[in-house]
């Protein structure tokens, strides 16, 4: 599903954002986009629809979740390789 004004984010995307972003990151991005923290949380929890005004928040929070996931997987990979060498 595309991110469009008038739609909610998908359930999967909501879960992905919740899993891969912290509350502090969500607050920081909401403030950056002149979006209230409460509205940001409601968008993530699918309690509010995307609008033209908050679309930039939604795309930025998704980007942050993807970045966090990528960094974590990369870090875990390096840790696993080091552990295998030790064993």
N, C-alpha and C. Protein backbone atom coordinates (compact mmCIF):
# COMPACT_ATOMS: atom_id res chain seq x y z
N UNK A 1 0.85 -1.19 0.00
CA UNK A 1 0.00 0.00 0.00
C UNK A 1 0.89 1.24 0.00
N UNK A 2 0.59 2.15 -0.86
CA UNK A 2 1.35 3.40 -0.96
C UNK A 2 0.96 4.34 0.16
N UNK A 3 1.90 5.18 0.53
CA UNK A 3 1.61 6.22 1.53
C UNK A 3 0.89 7.36 0.83
N UNK A 4 -0.36 7.50 1.14
CA UNK A 4 -1.16 8.56 0.52
C UNK A 4 -2.02 9.23 1.57
N UNK A 5 -2.24 10.51 1.36
CA UNK A 5 -3.15 11.25 2.24
C UNK A 5 -4.51 10.58 2.20
N UNK A 6 -5.13 10.46 3.36
CA UNK A 6 -6.45 9.84 3.46
C UNK A 6 -6.40 8.38 3.87
N UNK A 7 -5.20 7.78 3.89
CA UNK A 7 -5.04 6.38 4.30
C UNK A 7 -4.34 6.29 5.64
N UNK A 8 -4.48 5.15 6.29
CA UNK A 8 -3.68 4.84 7.47
C UNK A 8 -2.41 4.15 6.99
N UNK A 9 -1.37 4.13 7.82
CA UNK A 9 -0.23 3.29 7.48
C UNK A 9 -0.70 1.85 7.65
N UNK A 10 -0.02 0.92 7.01
CA UNK A 10 -0.43 -0.48 7.11
C UNK A 10 -0.13 -1.03 8.50
N UNK A 11 -0.79 -2.11 8.84
CA UNK A 11 -0.56 -2.78 10.12
C UNK A 11 0.90 -3.23 10.21
N UNK A 12 1.40 -3.81 9.13
CA UNK A 12 2.80 -4.27 9.11
C UNK A 12 3.76 -3.11 9.32
N UNK A 13 3.50 -1.98 8.67
CA UNK A 13 4.37 -0.82 8.82
C UNK A 13 4.30 -0.28 10.24
N UNK A 14 3.12 -0.26 10.81
CA UNK A 14 2.96 0.18 12.19
C UNK A 14 3.80 -0.69 13.13
N UNK A 15 3.72 -1.99 12.95
CA UNK A 15 4.51 -2.92 13.78
C UNK A 15 6.00 -2.73 13.57
N UNK A 16 6.40 -2.52 12.32
CA UNK A 16 7.81 -2.31 11.97
C UNK A 16 8.35 -1.05 12.66
N UNK A 17 7.59 0.03 12.61
CA UNK A 17 8.01 1.28 13.24
C UNK A 17 8.11 1.11 14.75
N UNK A 18 7.12 0.46 15.34
CA UNK A 18 7.13 0.24 16.79
C UNK A 18 8.34 -0.59 17.21
N UNK A 19 8.68 -1.59 16.41
CA UNK A 19 9.79 -2.48 16.73
C UNK A 19 11.15 -1.81 16.58
N UNK A 20 11.30 -0.99 15.55
CA UNK A 20 12.63 -0.49 15.20
C UNK A 20 12.88 0.98 15.52
N UNK A 21 11.97 1.66 16.20
CA UNK A 21 12.25 3.03 16.65
C UNK A 21 11.93 3.16 18.13
N UNK A 22 12.67 4.01 18.78
CA UNK A 22 12.43 4.27 20.20
C UNK A 22 11.43 5.42 20.34
N UNK A 23 10.88 5.54 21.51
CA UNK A 23 9.96 6.65 21.80
C UNK A 23 10.67 7.97 21.62
N UNK A 24 11.92 8.04 22.06
CA UNK A 24 12.69 9.28 21.91
C UNK A 24 12.89 9.64 20.45
N UNK A 25 13.17 8.66 19.62
CA UNK A 25 13.33 8.92 18.19
C UNK A 25 12.02 9.40 17.58
N UNK A 26 10.92 8.80 17.99
CA UNK A 26 9.62 9.20 17.49
C UNK A 26 9.32 10.64 17.88
N UNK A 27 9.64 11.01 19.12
CA UNK A 27 9.41 12.38 19.59
C UNK A 27 10.28 13.36 18.81
N UNK A 28 11.55 13.00 18.63
CA UNK A 28 12.49 13.86 17.92
C UNK A 28 12.03 14.13 16.49
N UNK A 29 11.58 13.10 15.81
CA UNK A 29 11.13 13.26 14.43
C UNK A 29 9.83 14.05 14.36
N UNK A 30 8.95 13.83 15.32
CA UNK A 30 7.69 14.60 15.36
C UNK A 30 7.99 16.09 15.51
N UNK A 31 8.87 16.42 16.43
CA UNK A 31 9.23 17.83 16.66
C UNK A 31 9.89 18.41 15.42
N UNK A 32 10.77 17.64 14.79
CA UNK A 32 11.46 18.09 13.58
C UNK A 32 10.47 18.48 12.48
N UNK A 33 9.35 17.77 12.42
CA UNK A 33 8.36 18.02 11.37
C UNK A 33 7.18 18.87 11.84
N UNK A 34 7.39 19.53 12.97
CA UNK A 34 6.36 20.42 13.53
C UNK A 34 5.03 19.67 13.68
N UNK A 35 5.14 18.46 14.17
CA UNK A 35 4.00 17.57 14.38
C UNK A 35 3.96 17.29 15.89
N UNK A 36 2.81 17.32 16.50
CA UNK A 36 2.76 17.04 17.94
C UNK A 36 3.16 15.58 18.18
N UNK A 37 3.75 15.35 19.32
CA UNK A 37 4.16 13.99 19.68
C UNK A 37 2.93 13.09 19.72
N UNK A 38 1.84 13.61 20.25
CA UNK A 38 0.60 12.83 20.32
C UNK A 38 0.11 12.43 18.93
N UNK A 39 0.12 13.36 18.00
CA UNK A 39 -0.29 13.05 16.63
C UNK A 39 0.64 12.01 16.02
N UNK A 40 1.94 12.15 16.25
CA UNK A 40 2.90 11.18 15.74
C UNK A 40 2.59 9.78 16.24
N UNK A 41 2.32 9.65 17.53
CA UNK A 41 1.98 8.35 18.11
C UNK A 41 0.68 7.80 17.51
N UNK A 42 -0.29 8.67 17.32
CA UNK A 42 -1.57 8.23 16.75
C UNK A 42 -1.41 7.78 15.30
N UNK A 43 -0.55 8.44 14.55
CA UNK A 43 -0.28 8.01 13.18
C UNK A 43 0.38 6.62 13.18
N UNK A 44 1.36 6.43 14.06
CA UNK A 44 2.06 5.16 14.14
C UNK A 44 1.11 4.04 14.58
N UNK A 45 0.22 4.34 15.49
CA UNK A 45 -0.71 3.34 16.01
C UNK A 45 -1.97 3.18 15.16
N UNK A 46 -2.02 3.88 14.03
CA UNK A 46 -3.13 3.79 13.09
C UNK A 46 -4.43 4.34 13.65
N UNK A 47 -4.31 5.34 14.50
CA UNK A 47 -5.49 5.99 15.06
C UNK A 47 -5.85 7.27 14.29
N UNK A 48 -4.92 7.71 13.44
CA UNK A 48 -5.16 8.89 12.60
C UNK A 48 -4.70 8.58 11.18
N UNK A 49 -5.33 9.21 10.23
CA UNK A 49 -4.96 9.03 8.83
C UNK A 49 -3.85 9.97 8.44
N UNK A 50 -3.13 9.58 7.42
CA UNK A 50 -2.07 10.42 6.86
C UNK A 50 -2.73 11.60 6.15
N UNK A 51 -2.12 12.78 6.31
CA UNK A 51 -2.55 13.97 5.58
C UNK A 51 -1.34 14.52 4.84
N UNK A 52 -1.57 15.48 3.97
CA UNK A 52 -0.46 16.12 3.28
C UNK A 52 0.48 16.79 4.28
N UNK A 53 -0.07 17.28 5.38
CA UNK A 53 0.73 17.99 6.39
C UNK A 53 1.62 17.06 7.21
N UNK A 54 1.21 15.81 7.42
CA UNK A 54 2.01 14.92 8.25
C UNK A 54 2.72 13.81 7.47
N UNK A 55 2.59 13.82 6.16
CA UNK A 55 3.22 12.80 5.33
C UNK A 55 4.74 12.79 5.49
N UNK A 56 5.34 13.96 5.66
CA UNK A 56 6.80 14.01 5.82
C UNK A 56 7.23 13.34 7.13
N UNK A 57 6.41 13.48 8.17
CA UNK A 57 6.72 12.78 9.43
C UNK A 57 6.69 11.27 9.20
N UNK A 58 5.66 10.79 8.54
CA UNK A 58 5.49 9.36 8.31
C UNK A 58 6.67 8.80 7.51
N UNK A 59 7.04 9.48 6.44
CA UNK A 59 8.15 8.97 5.62
C UNK A 59 9.47 9.01 6.40
N UNK A 60 9.66 10.03 7.22
CA UNK A 60 10.90 10.14 8.00
C UNK A 60 10.97 9.07 9.09
N UNK A 61 9.87 8.78 9.75
CA UNK A 61 9.88 7.76 10.81
C UNK A 61 10.10 6.37 10.21
N UNK A 62 9.56 6.14 9.02
CA UNK A 62 9.80 4.87 8.34
C UNK A 62 11.29 4.76 7.97
N UNK A 63 11.85 5.84 7.45
CA UNK A 63 13.28 5.84 7.09
C UNK A 63 14.14 5.55 8.32
N UNK A 64 13.78 6.11 9.46
CA UNK A 64 14.54 5.89 10.69
C UNK A 64 14.44 4.43 11.12
N UNK A 65 13.27 3.84 11.01
CA UNK A 65 13.09 2.43 11.36
C UNK A 65 13.94 1.54 10.46
N UNK A 66 13.94 1.83 9.17
CA UNK A 66 14.75 1.06 8.22
C UNK A 66 16.24 1.20 8.56
N UNK A 67 16.67 2.42 8.83
CA UNK A 67 18.08 2.66 9.19
C UNK A 67 18.45 1.89 10.46
N UNK A 68 17.61 1.96 11.47
CA UNK A 68 17.89 1.25 12.72
C UNK A 68 17.98 -0.25 12.50
N UNK A 69 17.09 -0.78 11.70
CA UNK A 69 17.10 -2.22 11.41
C UNK A 69 18.37 -2.61 10.67
N UNK A 70 18.73 -1.82 9.69
CA UNK A 70 19.94 -2.11 8.91
C UNK A 70 21.17 -2.07 9.80
N UNK A 71 21.26 -1.07 10.67
CA UNK A 71 22.41 -0.96 11.57
C UNK A 71 22.47 -2.12 12.55
N UNK A 72 21.33 -2.53 13.05
CA UNK A 72 21.28 -3.63 14.02
C UNK A 72 21.69 -4.94 13.36
N UNK A 73 21.19 -5.20 12.17
CA UNK A 73 21.54 -6.44 11.48
C UNK A 73 23.03 -6.46 11.15
N UNK A 74 23.56 -5.32 10.71
CA UNK A 74 24.99 -5.22 10.40
C UNK A 74 25.81 -5.47 11.66
N UNK A 75 25.42 -4.88 12.75
CA UNK A 75 26.11 -5.05 14.03
C UNK A 75 26.04 -6.50 14.49
N UNK A 76 24.86 -7.10 14.39
CA UNK A 76 24.70 -8.50 14.80
C UNK A 76 25.54 -9.42 13.94
N UNK A 77 25.64 -9.11 12.66
CA UNK A 77 26.44 -9.92 11.74
C UNK A 77 27.91 -9.89 12.15
N UNK A 78 28.40 -8.70 12.45
CA UNK A 78 29.80 -8.55 12.86
C UNK A 78 30.05 -9.29 14.17
N UNK A 79 29.12 -9.18 15.10
CA UNK A 79 29.26 -9.86 16.39
C UNK A 79 29.26 -11.36 16.19
N UNK A 80 28.38 -11.85 15.34
CA UNK A 80 28.32 -13.29 15.07
C UNK A 80 29.62 -13.79 14.44
N UNK A 81 30.18 -13.02 13.51
CA UNK A 81 31.43 -13.43 12.87
C UNK A 81 32.56 -13.48 13.88
N UNK A 82 32.63 -12.48 14.79
CA UNK A 82 33.66 -12.48 15.83
C UNK A 82 33.50 -13.68 16.75
N UNK A 83 32.25 -13.98 17.11
CA UNK A 83 31.99 -15.12 18.00
C UNK A 83 32.42 -16.43 17.35
N UNK A 84 32.15 -16.57 16.06
CA UNK A 84 32.53 -17.79 15.35
C UNK A 84 34.05 -17.95 15.31
N UNK A 85 34.77 -16.84 15.17
CA UNK A 85 36.23 -16.91 15.16
C UNK A 85 36.75 -17.37 16.51
N UNK A 86 36.13 -16.90 17.58
CA UNK A 86 36.57 -17.27 18.92
C UNK A 86 36.31 -18.76 19.17
N UNK A 87 35.18 -19.23 18.70
CA UNK A 87 34.83 -20.64 18.90
C UNK A 87 35.77 -21.50 18.06
